[in-house]
Amino acid sequence: MWRILFIVALVPTIIAVAMRKLLCDRVVIQSAGHMATRSGEELATRMLRKAGLEEEVEVEVKRRSSIGVNPARLTLSRELAEARDVVSLGEVAGLAGMAVVAQQQPDLVK
């Protein structure tokens, strides 16, 4: 009996993952050429302000992107700081999210 329930529950999960993968890839490919109004540095600063960590996490612009844990520091490359395309802003948003996690729970990032 448990095998039937497992299979019945597994089929919709596999279908949902496959559909999500296909739809997300299509959206990213279609939106890759679109430009946003904010630059990467503005987006990172705004995200940190919304998280209430604008004073704790400093945003720097250097040659390479990185995240420092102690003290919390978000370093953006020049290309990401000035970028306005959707894919680059997604990368900046991911780095800013990691900086928020690094500030709130530093053991997770080490």
C-alpha atoms as a PDB file:
ATOM      1  CA  MET A   1       0.000   0.000   0.000  1.00  0.00           C
ATOM      2  CA  TRP A   2       2.761   2.447   0.877  1.00  0.00           C
ATOM      3  CA  ARG A   3       4.426   1.805  -2.487  1.00  0.00           C
ATOM      4  CA  ILE A   4       1.296   2.835  -4.367  1.00  0.00           C
ATOM      5  CA  LEU A   5       1.028   6.036  -2.321  1.00  0.00           C
ATOM      6  CA  PHE A   6       4.695   6.750  -2.900  1.00  0.00           C
ATOM      7  CA  ILE A   7       4.376   6.313  -6.670  1.00  0.00           C
ATOM      8  CA  VAL A   8       1.176   8.361  -6.809  1.00  0.00           C
ATOM      9  CA  ALA A   9       2.887  11.181  -4.901  1.00  0.00           C
ATOM     10  CA  LEU A  10       6.104  10.929  -6.914  1.00  0.00           C
ATOM     11  CA  VAL A  11       4.562  11.349 -10.372  1.00  0.00           C
ATOM     12  CA  PRO A  12       3.136  14.895  -9.835  1.00  0.00           C
ATOM     13  CA  THR A  13       6.392  15.952  -8.164  1.00  0.00           C
ATOM     14  CA  ILE A  14       8.446  14.855 -11.172  1.00  0.00           C
ATOM     15  CA  ILE A  15       6.034  16.564 -13.562  1.00  0.00           C
ATOM     16  CA  ALA A  16       6.130  19.791 -11.518  1.00  0.00           C
ATOM     17  CA  VAL A  17       9.933  19.867 -11.471  1.00  0.00           C
ATOM     18  CA  ALA A  18      10.129  19.222 -15.222  1.00  0.00           C
ATOM     19  CA  MET A  19       7.554  21.926 -16.040  1.00  0.00           C
ATOM     20  CA  ARG A  20       9.255  24.432 -13.759  1.00  0.00           C
ATOM     21  CA  LYS A  21      12.610  23.741 -15.371  1.00  0.00           C
ATOM     22  CA  LEU A  22      11.229  24.160 -18.886  1.00  0.00           C
ATOM     23  CA  LEU A  23       9.241  27.320 -18.112  1.00  0.00           C
ATOM     24  CA  CYS A  24      12.020  28.990 -16.117  1.00  0.00           C
ATOM     25  CA  ASP A  25      14.560  28.374 -18.871  1.00  0.00           C
ATOM     26  CA  ARG A  26      12.216  29.902 -21.427  1.00  0.00           C
ATOM     27  CA  VAL A  27      11.597  33.007 -19.301  1.00  0.00           C
ATOM     28  CA  VAL A  28      15.315  33.541 -18.658  1.00  0.00           C
ATOM     29  CA  ILE A  29      16.155  33.171 -22.339  1.00  0.00           C
ATOM     30  CA  GLN A  30      13.385  35.575 -23.389  1.00  0.00           C
ATOM     31  CA  SER A  31      14.265  38.186 -20.760  1.00  0.00           C
ATOM     32  CA  ALA A  32      18.035  38.031 -21.257  1.00  0.00           C
ATOM     33  CA  GLY A  33      18.029  41.023 -23.598  1.00  0.00           C
ATOM     34  CA  HIS A  34      15.813  43.290 -21.492  1.00  0.00           C
ATOM     35  CA  MET A  35      17.311  46.221 -19.661  1.00  0.00           C
ATOM     36  CA  ALA A  36      16.302  47.488 -16.222  1.00  0.00           C
ATOM     37  CA  THR A  37      16.238  51.034 -14.899  1.00  0.00           C
ATOM     38  CA  ARG A  38      18.522  50.355 -11.907  1.00  0.00           C
ATOM     39  CA  SER A  39      22.169  49.413 -11.985  1.00  0.00           C
ATOM     40  CA  GLY A  40      23.565  46.478 -10.056  1.00  0.00           C
ATOM     41  CA  GLU A  41      25.020  48.641  -7.303  1.00  0.00           C
ATOM     42  CA  GLU A  42      21.705  50.455  -6.810  1.00  0.00           C
ATOM     43  CA  LEU A  43      19.885  47.109  -6.603  1.00  0.00           C
ATOM     44  CA  ALA A  44      22.310  45.716  -4.006  1.00  0.00           C
ATOM     45  CA  THR A  45      22.061  48.860  -1.887  1.00  0.00           C
ATOM     46  CA  ARG A  46      18.273  48.833  -2.093  1.00  0.00           C
ATOM     47  CA  MET A  47      18.078  45.136  -1.134  1.00  0.00           C
ATOM     48  CA  LEU A  48      20.337  45.692   1.871  1.00  0.00           C
ATOM     49  CA  ARG A  49      18.279  48.726   2.899  1.00  0.00           C
ATOM     50  CA  LYS A  50      15.066  46.656   2.743  1.00  0.00           C
ATOM     51  CA  ALA A  51      16.719  43.961   4.892  1.00  0.00           C
ATOM     52  CA  GLY A  52      17.759  46.621   7.413  1.00  0.00           C
ATOM     53  CA  LEU A  53      21.462  45.897   6.929  1.00  0.00           C
ATOM     54  CA  GLU A  54      22.581  48.972   5.020  1.00  0.00           C
ATOM     55  CA  GLU A  55      24.961  50.049   7.807  1.00  0.00           C
ATOM     56  CA  GLU A  56      26.259  46.547   8.635  1.00  0.00           C
ATOM     57  CA  VAL A  57      27.096  45.416   5.077  1.00  0.00           C
ATOM     58  CA  GLU A  58      29.241  47.651   2.918  1.00  0.00           C
ATOM     59  CA  VAL A  59      29.047  47.516  -0.865  1.00  0.00           C
ATOM     60  CA  GLU A  60      32.366  47.841  -2.703  1.00  0.00           C
ATOM     61  CA  VAL A  61      33.186  47.902  -6.403  1.00  0.00           C
ATOM     62  CA  LYS A  62      36.390  46.082  -7.353  1.00  0.00           C
ATOM     63  CA  ARG A  63      37.715  43.822 -10.096  1.00  0.00           C
ATOM     64  CA  ARG A  64      36.099  40.593  -8.865  1.00  0.00           C
ATOM     65  CA  SER A  65      32.848  39.786  -7.062  1.00  0.00           C
ATOM     66  CA  SER A  66      33.041  38.236  -3.592  1.00  0.00           C
ATOM     67  CA  ILE A  67      31.342  38.133  -0.217  1.00  0.00           C
ATOM     68  CA  GLY A  68      33.232  38.777   3.024  1.00  0.00           C
ATOM     69  CA  VAL A  69      31.873  37.315   6.234  1.00  0.00           C
ATOM     70  CA  ASN A  70      33.639  39.224   9.030  1.00  0.00           C
ATOM     71  CA  PRO A  71      32.999  42.120   8.675  1.00  0.00           C
ATOM     72  CA  ALA A  72      30.160  41.601   6.252  1.00  0.00           C
ATOM     73  CA  ARG A  73      31.126  43.038   2.908  1.00  0.00           C
ATOM     74  CA  LEU A  74      29.647  42.700  -0.565  1.00  0.00           C
ATOM     75  CA  THR A  75      32.164  43.246  -3.344  1.00  0.00           C
ATOM     76  CA  LEU A  76      30.747  43.682  -6.846  1.00  0.00           C
ATOM     77  CA  SER A  77      32.790  43.641 -10.019  1.00  0.00           C
ATOM     78  CA  ARG A  78      32.707  46.780 -12.132  1.00  0.00           C
ATOM     79  CA  GLU A  79      30.677  44.980 -14.783  1.00  0.00           C
ATOM     80  CA  LEU A  80      28.017  43.868 -12.275  1.00  0.00           C
ATOM     81  CA  ALA A  81      27.910  47.256 -10.534  1.00  0.00           C
ATOM     82  CA  GLU A  82      27.200  49.068 -13.806  1.00  0.00           C
ATOM     83  CA  ALA A  83      25.090  46.354 -15.481  1.00  0.00           C
ATOM     84  CA  ARG A  84      21.433  46.933 -16.210  1.00  0.00           C
ATOM     85  CA  ASP A  85      20.499  43.690 -17.959  1.00  0.00           C
ATOM     86  CA  VAL A  86      18.209  41.228 -16.215  1.00  0.00           C
ATOM     87  CA  VAL A  87      20.639  38.315 -15.985  1.00  0.00           C
ATOM     88  CA  SER A  88      23.359  40.414 -14.337  1.00  0.00           C
ATOM     89  CA  LEU A  89      20.857  41.921 -11.913  1.00  0.00           C
ATOM     90  CA  GLY A  90      19.810  38.393 -10.971  1.00  0.00           C
ATOM     91  CA  GLU A  91      23.424  37.621 -10.141  1.00  0.00           C
ATOM     92  CA  VAL A  92      23.680  40.801  -8.051  1.00  0.00           C
ATOM     93  CA  ALA A  93      20.480  39.868  -6.217  1.00  0.00           C
ATOM     94  CA  GLY A  94      21.914  36.430  -5.422  1.00  0.00           C
ATOM     95  CA  LEU A  95      25.128  37.960  -4.091  1.00  0.00           C
ATOM     96  CA  ALA A  96      23.176  40.479  -2.001  1.00  0.00           C
ATOM     97  CA  GLY A  97      21.074  37.644  -0.569  1.00  0.00           C
ATOM     98  CA  MET A  98      24.256  35.793   0.353  1.00  0.00           C
ATOM     99  CA  ALA A  99      25.562  38.944   2.052  1.00  0.00           C
ATOM    100  CA  VAL A 100      22.359  39.149   4.111  1.00  0.00           C
ATOM    101  CA  VAL A 101      22.759  35.498   5.146  1.00  0.00           C
ATOM    102  CA  ALA A 102      26.460  36.109   5.915  1.00  0.00           C
ATOM    103  CA  GLN A 103      25.516  38.950   8.231  1.00  0.00           C
ATOM    104  CA  GLN A 104      22.663  37.187   9.998  1.00  0.00           C
ATOM    105  CA  GLN A 105      24.115  33.641  10.159  1.00  0.00           C
ATOM    106  CA  PRO A 106      27.879  33.667   9.478  1.00  0.00           C
ATOM    107  CA  ASP A 107      28.307  29.947  10.266  1.00  0.00           C
ATOM    108  CA  LEU A 108      26.265  28.992   7.188  1.00  0.00           C
ATOM    109  CA  VAL A 109      28.567  30.787   4.758  1.00  0.00           C
ATOM    110  CA  LYS A 110      31.938  29.546   6.067  1.00  0.00           C
END
